[in-house]
Amino acid sequence: MKYYERTKLLIELIEKKKTGGPSELAKKLQVHKRTVYRILDDLRLSSPYEIIYCKESGGYIFLEKKINR
């Protein structure tokens, strides 16, 4: 899988709330856990949403970014 395809799949998994933890997500994307963090960091820079890990659901979720005034 190429980087773009992995990023697209990651977005889909977050939207469906099916990412699981970092290790599980790395298996789904067929990459190392460190690569998962790198892709998440890139997404956080370009996304209009915050991406956080939710302990309750055991996966990553999108949140609306808060505007600092």
PDB file of N, CA and C in Angstrom:
ATOM      1  N   MET A   1       0.836  -1.177   0.000  1.00  0.00           N
ATOM      2  CA  MET A   1       0.000   0.000   0.000  1.00  0.00           C
ATOM      3  C   MET A   1       0.884   1.246   0.000  1.00  0.00           C
ATOM      4  N   LYS A   2       0.474   2.218  -0.741  1.00  0.00           N
ATOM      5  CA  LYS A   2       1.219   3.475  -0.773  1.00  0.00           C
ATOM      6  C   LYS A   2       0.742   4.395   0.350  1.00  0.00           C
ATOM      7  N   TYR A   3       1.547   5.411   0.614  1.00  0.00           N
ATOM      8  CA  TYR A   3       1.269   6.341   1.712  1.00  0.00           C
ATOM      9  C   TYR A   3      -0.128   6.950   1.587  1.00  0.00           C
ATOM     10  N   TYR A   4      -0.482   7.394   0.390  1.00  0.00           N
ATOM     11  CA  TYR A   4      -1.801   8.009   0.178  1.00  0.00           C
ATOM     12  C   TYR A   4      -2.915   7.016   0.499  1.00  0.00           C
ATOM     13  N   GLU A   5      -2.763   5.764   0.052  1.00  0.00           N
ATOM     14  CA  GLU A   5      -3.786   4.744   0.303  1.00  0.00           C
ATOM     15  C   GLU A   5      -3.918   4.454   1.796  1.00  0.00           C
ATOM     16  N   ARG A   6      -2.782   4.413   2.493  1.00  0.00           N
ATOM     17  CA  ARG A   6      -2.812   4.184   3.939  1.00  0.00           C
ATOM     18  C   ARG A   6      -3.504   5.336   4.654  1.00  0.00           C
ATOM     19  N   THR A   7      -3.204   6.555   4.230  1.00  0.00           N
ATOM     20  CA  THR A   7      -3.818   7.728   4.845  1.00  0.00           C
ATOM     21  C   THR A   7      -5.325   7.716   4.623  1.00  0.00           C
ATOM     22  N   LYS A   8      -5.734   7.398   3.411  1.00  0.00           N
ATOM     23  CA  LYS A   8      -7.165   7.327   3.085  1.00  0.00           C
ATOM     24  C   LYS A   8      -7.853   6.244   3.916  1.00  0.00           C
ATOM     25  N   LEU A   9      -7.209   5.079   4.041  1.00  0.00           N
ATOM     26  CA  LEU A   9      -7.771   3.997   4.846  1.00  0.00           C
ATOM     27  C   LEU A   9      -7.852   4.412   6.314  1.00  0.00           C
ATOM     28  N   LEU A  10      -6.845   5.099   6.806  1.00  0.00           N
ATOM     29  CA  LEU A  10      -6.850   5.563   8.190  1.00  0.00           C
ATOM     30  C   LEU A  10      -8.031   6.506   8.439  1.00  0.00           C
ATOM     31  N   ILE A  11      -8.260   7.423   7.535  1.00  0.00           N
ATOM     32  CA  ILE A  11      -9.397   8.345   7.669  1.00  0.00           C
ATOM     33  C   ILE A  11     -10.711   7.571   7.709  1.00  0.00           C
ATOM     34  N   GLU A  12     -10.844   6.583   6.825  1.00  0.00           N
ATOM     35  CA  GLU A  12     -12.065   5.773   6.801  1.00  0.00           C
ATOM     36  C   GLU A  12     -12.248   5.017   8.110  1.00  0.00           C
ATOM     37  N   LEU A  13     -11.163   4.452   8.642  1.00  0.00           N
ATOM     38  CA  LEU A  13     -11.238   3.703   9.894  1.00  0.00           C
ATOM     39  C   LEU A  13     -11.612   4.618  11.069  1.00  0.00           C
ATOM     40  N   ILE A  14     -11.067   5.834  11.068  1.00  0.00           N
ATOM     41  CA  ILE A  14     -11.414   6.787  12.127  1.00  0.00           C
ATOM     42  C   ILE A  14     -12.895   7.155  12.022  1.00  0.00           C
ATOM     43  N   GLU A  15     -13.370   7.433  10.808  1.00  0.00           N
ATOM     44  CA  GLU A  15     -14.771   7.797  10.620  1.00  0.00           C
ATOM     45  C   GLU A  15     -15.707   6.672  11.072  1.00  0.00           C
ATOM     46  N   LYS A  16     -15.302   5.422  10.836  1.00  0.00           N
ATOM     47  CA  LYS A  16     -16.122   4.267  11.220  1.00  0.00           C
ATOM     48  C   LYS A  16     -15.877   3.827  12.662  1.00  0.00           C
ATOM     49  N   LYS A  17     -14.920   4.510  13.324  1.00  0.00           N
ATOM     50  CA  LYS A  17     -14.541   4.183  14.706  1.00  0.00           C
ATOM     51  C   LYS A  17     -14.091   2.737  14.824  1.00  0.00           C
ATOM     52  N   LYS A  18     -13.208   2.333  13.889  1.00  0.00           N
ATOM     53  CA  LYS A  18     -12.706   0.965  13.868  1.00  0.00           C
ATOM     54  C   LYS A  18     -11.187   0.914  13.795  1.00  0.00           C
ATOM     55  N   THR A  19     -10.515   1.884  14.434  1.00  0.00           N
ATOM     56  CA  THR A  19      -9.053   1.892  14.355  1.00  0.00           C
ATOM     57  C   THR A  19      -8.416   0.934  15.335  1.00  0.00           C
ATOM     58  N   GLY A  20      -8.998   0.819  16.532  1.00  0.00           N
ATOM     59  CA  GLY A  20      -8.338   0.066  17.586  1.00  0.00           C
ATOM     60  C   GLY A  20      -7.145   0.860  18.092  1.00  0.00           C
ATOM     61  N   GLY A  21      -6.327   0.238  18.899  1.00  0.00           N
ATOM     62  CA  GLY A  21      -5.137   0.891  19.432  1.00  0.00           C
ATOM     63  C   GLY A  21      -4.038   0.992  18.389  1.00  0.00           C
ATOM     64  N   PRO A  22      -2.925   1.630  18.739  1.00  0.00           N
ATOM     65  CA  PRO A  22      -1.837   1.816  17.776  1.00  0.00           C
ATOM     66  C   PRO A  22      -1.292   0.515  17.183  1.00  0.00           C
ATOM     67  N   SER A  23      -1.143  -0.512  17.991  1.00  0.00           N
ATOM     68  CA  SER A  23      -0.619  -1.793  17.479  1.00  0.00           C
ATOM     69  C   SER A  23      -1.592  -2.440  16.502  1.00  0.00           C
ATOM     70  N   GLU A  24      -2.864  -2.435  16.880  1.00  0.00           N
ATOM     71  CA  GLU A  24      -3.900  -3.005  16.005  1.00  0.00           C
ATOM     72  C   GLU A  24      -3.996  -2.210  14.702  1.00  0.00           C
ATOM     73  N   LEU A  25      -3.918  -0.899  14.812  1.00  0.00           N
ATOM     74  CA  LEU A  25      -3.989  -0.039  13.632  1.00  0.00           C
ATOM     75  C   LEU A  25      -2.795  -0.281  12.715  1.00  0.00           C
ATOM     76  N   ALA A  26      -1.626  -0.476  13.291  1.00  0.00           N
ATOM     77  CA  ALA A  26      -0.430  -0.763  12.487  1.00  0.00           C
ATOM     78  C   ALA A  26      -0.625  -2.043  11.676  1.00  0.00           C
ATOM     79  N   LYS A  27      -1.238  -3.044  12.273  1.00  0.00           N
ATOM     80  CA  LYS A  27      -1.506  -4.293  11.545  1.00  0.00           C
ATOM     81  C   LYS A  27      -2.493  -4.062  10.406  1.00  0.00           C
ATOM     82  N   LYS A  28      -3.528  -3.270  10.674  1.00  0.00           N
ATOM     83  CA  LYS A  28      -4.534  -2.999   9.640  1.00  0.00           C
ATOM     84  C   LYS A  28      -3.934  -2.251   8.462  1.00  0.00           C
ATOM     85  N   LEU A  29      -2.990  -1.339   8.750  1.00  0.00           N
ATOM     86  CA  LEU A  29      -2.363  -0.541   7.691  1.00  0.00           C
ATOM     87  C   LEU A  29      -1.117  -1.210   7.123  1.00  0.00           C
ATOM     88  N   GLN A  30      -0.704  -2.322   7.730  1.00  0.00           N
ATOM     89  CA  GLN A  30       0.480  -3.077   7.305  1.00  0.00           C
ATOM     90  C   GLN A  30       1.752  -2.234   7.387  1.00  0.00           C
ATOM     91  N   VAL A  31       1.903  -1.555   8.533  1.00  0.00           N
ATOM     92  CA  VAL A  31       3.079  -0.718   8.764  1.00  0.00           C
ATOM     93  C   VAL A  31       3.540  -0.909  10.212  1.00  0.00           C
ATOM     94  N   HIS A  32       4.671  -0.311  10.541  1.00  0.00           N
ATOM     95  CA  HIS A  32       5.148  -0.298  11.919  1.00  0.00           C
ATOM     96  C   HIS A  32       4.345   0.728  12.714  1.00  0.00           C
ATOM     97  N   LYS A  33       4.317   0.537  14.017  1.00  0.00           N
ATOM     98  CA  LYS A  33       3.580   1.454  14.886  1.00  0.00           C
ATOM     99  C   LYS A  33       4.090   2.884  14.742  1.00  0.00           C
ATOM    100  N   ARG A  34       5.384   3.063  14.579  1.00  0.00           N
ATOM    101  CA  ARG A  34       5.960   4.404  14.415  1.00  0.00           C
ATOM    102  C   ARG A  34       5.388   5.095  13.173  1.00  0.00           C
ATOM    103  N   THR A  35       5.156   4.340  12.109  1.00  0.00           N
ATOM    104  CA  THR A  35       4.579   4.899  10.884  1.00  0.00           C
ATOM    105  C   THR A  35       3.147   5.360  11.128  1.00  0.00           C
ATOM    106  N   VAL A  36       2.421   4.640  11.967  1.00  0.00           N
ATOM    107  CA  VAL A  36       1.060   5.057  12.333  1.00  0.00           C
ATOM    108  C   VAL A  36       1.104   6.441  12.965  1.00  0.00           C
ATOM    109  N   TYR A  37       2.033   6.633  13.913  1.00  0.00           N
ATOM    110  CA  TYR A  37       2.154   7.939  14.570  1.00  0.00           C
ATOM    111  C   TYR A  37       2.542   9.029  13.572  1.00  0.00           C
ATOM    112  N   ARG A  38       3.385   8.695  12.623  1.00  0.00           N
ATOM    113  CA  ARG A  38       3.814   9.669  11.615  1.00  0.00           C
ATOM    114  C   ARG A  38       2.623  10.089  10.732  1.00  0.00           C
ATOM    115  N   ILE A  39       1.833   9.119  10.298  1.00  0.00           N
ATOM    116  CA  ILE A  39       0.665   9.417   9.469  1.00  0.00           C
ATOM    117  C   ILE A  39      -0.337  10.260  10.265  1.00  0.00           C
ATOM    118  N   LEU A  40      -0.555   9.893  11.538  1.00  0.00           N
ATOM    119  CA  LEU A  40      -1.462  10.669  12.385  1.00  0.00           C
ATOM    120  C   LEU A  40      -0.973  12.102  12.541  1.00  0.00           C
ATOM    121  N   ASP A  41       0.328  12.284  12.741  1.00  0.00           N
ATOM    122  CA  ASP A  41       0.889  13.636  12.857  1.00  0.00           C
ATOM    123  C   ASP A  41       0.645  14.454  11.598  1.00  0.00           C
ATOM    124  N   ASP A  42       0.849  13.829  10.434  1.00  0.00           N
ATOM    125  CA  ASP A  42       0.605  14.523   9.162  1.00  0.00           C
ATOM    126  C   ASP A  42      -0.867  14.903   9.024  1.00  0.00           C
ATOM    127  N   LEU A  43      -1.744  13.985   9.386  1.00  0.00           N
ATOM    128  CA  LEU A  43      -3.185  14.266   9.312  1.00  0.00           C
ATOM    129  C   LEU A  43      -3.582  15.396  10.249  1.00  0.00           C
ATOM    130  N   ARG A  44      -2.998  15.407  11.424  1.00  0.00           N
ATOM    131  CA  ARG A  44      -3.330  16.460  12.396  1.00  0.00           C
ATOM    132  C   ARG A  44      -2.969  17.843  11.869  1.00  0.00           C
ATOM    133  N   LEU A  45      -1.916  17.922  11.090  1.00  0.00           N
ATOM    134  CA  LEU A  45      -1.497  19.207  10.526  1.00  0.00           C
ATOM    135  C   LEU A  45      -2.434  19.685   9.421  1.00  0.00           C
ATOM    136  N   SER A  46      -3.005  18.758   8.675  1.00  0.00           N
ATOM    137  CA  SER A  46      -3.799  19.148   7.511  1.00  0.00           C
ATOM    138  C   SER A  46      -5.311  19.023   7.709  1.00  0.00           C
ATOM    139  N   SER A  47      -5.737  18.389   8.780  1.00  0.00           N
ATOM    140  CA  SER A  47      -7.158  18.139   8.986  1.00  0.00           C
ATOM    141  C   SER A  47      -7.842  19.302   9.698  1.00  0.00           C
ATOM    142  N   PRO A  48      -9.104  19.555   9.352  1.00  0.00           N
ATOM    143  CA  PRO A  48      -9.867  20.573  10.077  1.00  0.00           C
ATOM    144  C   PRO A  48     -10.343  20.055  11.441  1.00  0.00           C
ATOM    145  N   TYR A  49     -10.037  18.798  11.751  1.00  0.00           N
ATOM    146  CA  TYR A  49     -10.446  18.183  13.010  1.00  0.00           C
ATOM    147  C   TYR A  49      -9.229  17.802  13.845  1.00  0.00           C
ATOM    148  N   GLU A  50      -9.445  17.722  15.156  1.00  0.00           N
ATOM    149  CA  GLU A  50      -8.428  17.161  16.031  1.00  0.00           C
ATOM    150  C   GLU A  50      -8.564  15.647  15.940  1.00  0.00           C
ATOM    151  N   ILE A  51      -7.457  14.946  16.042  1.00  0.00           N
ATOM    152  CA  ILE A  51      -7.489  13.491  16.072  1.00  0.00           C
ATOM    153  C   ILE A  51      -6.907  13.079  17.410  1.00  0.00           C
ATOM    154  N   ILE A  52      -7.737  12.414  18.216  1.00  0.00           N
ATOM    155  CA  ILE A  52      -7.274  11.998  19.531  1.00  0.00           C
ATOM    156  C   ILE A  52      -7.540  10.516  19.736  1.00  0.00           C
ATOM    157  N   TYR A  53      -6.829   9.937  20.706  1.00  0.00           N
ATOM    158  CA  TYR A  53      -7.089   8.562  21.087  1.00  0.00           C
ATOM    159  C   TYR A  53      -8.111   8.580  22.214  1.00  0.00           C
ATOM    160  N   CYS A  54      -9.190   7.857  22.051  1.00  0.00           N
ATOM    161  CA  CYS A  54     -10.263   7.789  23.043  1.00  0.00           C
ATOM    162  C   CYS A  54     -10.142   6.467  23.803  1.00  0.00           C
ATOM    163  N   LYS A  55      -9.851   6.558  25.088  1.00  0.00           N
ATOM    164  CA  LYS A  55      -9.700   5.355  25.904  1.00  0.00           C
ATOM    165  C   LYS A  55     -11.018   4.584  26.020  1.00  0.00           C
ATOM    166  N   GLU A  56     -12.126   5.307  26.054  1.00  0.00           N
ATOM    167  CA  GLU A  56     -13.436   4.656  26.187  1.00  0.00           C
ATOM    168  C   GLU A  56     -13.746   3.744  25.002  1.00  0.00           C
ATOM    169  N   SER A  57     -13.497   4.241  23.799  1.00  0.00           N
ATOM    170  CA  SER A  57     -13.792   3.443  22.609  1.00  0.00           C
ATOM    171  C   SER A  57     -12.606   2.579  22.188  1.00  0.00           C
ATOM    172  N   GLY A  58     -11.431   2.888  22.732  1.00  0.00           N
ATOM    173  CA  GLY A  58     -10.242   2.103  22.391  1.00  0.00           C
ATOM    174  C   GLY A  58      -9.749   2.353  20.980  1.00  0.00           C
ATOM    175  N   GLY A  59      -9.949   3.582  20.495  1.00  0.00           N
ATOM    176  CA  GLY A  59      -9.508   3.924  19.146  1.00  0.00           C
ATOM    177  C   GLY A  59      -9.404   5.422  18.960  1.00  0.00           C
ATOM    178  N   TYR A  60      -9.006   5.808  17.753  1.00  0.00           N
ATOM    179  CA  TYR A  60      -8.849   7.224  17.424  1.00  0.00           C
ATOM    180  C   TYR A  60     -10.177   7.786  16.931  1.00  0.00           C
ATOM    181  N   ILE A  61     -10.406   9.061  17.253  1.00  0.00           N
ATOM    182  CA  ILE A  61     -11.643   9.730  16.837  1.00  0.00           C
ATOM    183  C   ILE A  61     -11.325  11.150  16.358  1.00  0.00           C
ATOM    184  N   PHE A  62     -12.249  11.698  15.576  1.00  0.00           N
ATOM    185  CA  PHE A  62     -12.165  13.094  15.145  1.00  0.00           C
ATOM    186  C   PHE A  62     -12.951  13.959  16.117  1.00  0.00           C
ATOM    187  N   LEU A  63     -12.404  15.116  16.455  1.00  0.00           N
ATOM    188  CA  LEU A  63     -13.104  16.127  17.248  1.00  0.00           C
ATOM    189  C   LEU A  63     -13.014  17.451  16.505  1.00  0.00           C
ATOM    190  N   GLU A  64     -14.010  18.290  16.690  1.00  0.00           N
ATOM    191  CA  GLU A  64     -13.943  19.629  16.102  1.00  0.00           C
ATOM    192  C   GLU A  64     -12.824  20.400  16.789  1.00  0.00           C
ATOM    193  N   LYS A  65     -12.013  21.117  16.017  1.00  0.00           N
ATOM    194  CA  LYS A  65     -10.962  21.925  16.604  1.00  0.00           C
ATOM    195  C   LYS A  65     -11.578  23.135  17.292  1.00  0.00           C
ATOM    196  N   LYS A  66     -11.046  23.427  18.448  1.00  0.00           N
ATOM    197  CA  LYS A  66     -11.510  24.607  19.169  1.00  0.00           C
ATOM    198  C   LYS A  66     -10.732  25.815  18.683  1.00  0.00           C
ATOM    199  N   ILE A  67     -11.458  26.903  18.482  1.00  0.00           N
ATOM    200  CA  ILE A  67     -10.833  28.133  18.006  1.00  0.00           C
ATOM    201  C   ILE A  67     -10.387  28.947  19.207  1.00  0.00           C
ATOM    202  N   ASN A  68      -9.096  29.235  19.273  1.00  0.00           N
ATOM    203  CA  ASN A  68      -8.573  30.072  20.365  1.00  0.00           C
ATOM    204  C   ASN A  68      -8.737  31.540  20.010  1.00  0.00           C
ATOM    205  N   ARG A  69      -9.336  32.291  20.899  1.00  0.00           N
ATOM    206  CA  ARG A  69      -9.535  33.709  20.623  1.00  0.00           C
ATOM    207  C   ARG A  69      -8.807  34.528  21.605  1.00  0.00           C
TER     208      ARG A  69
END
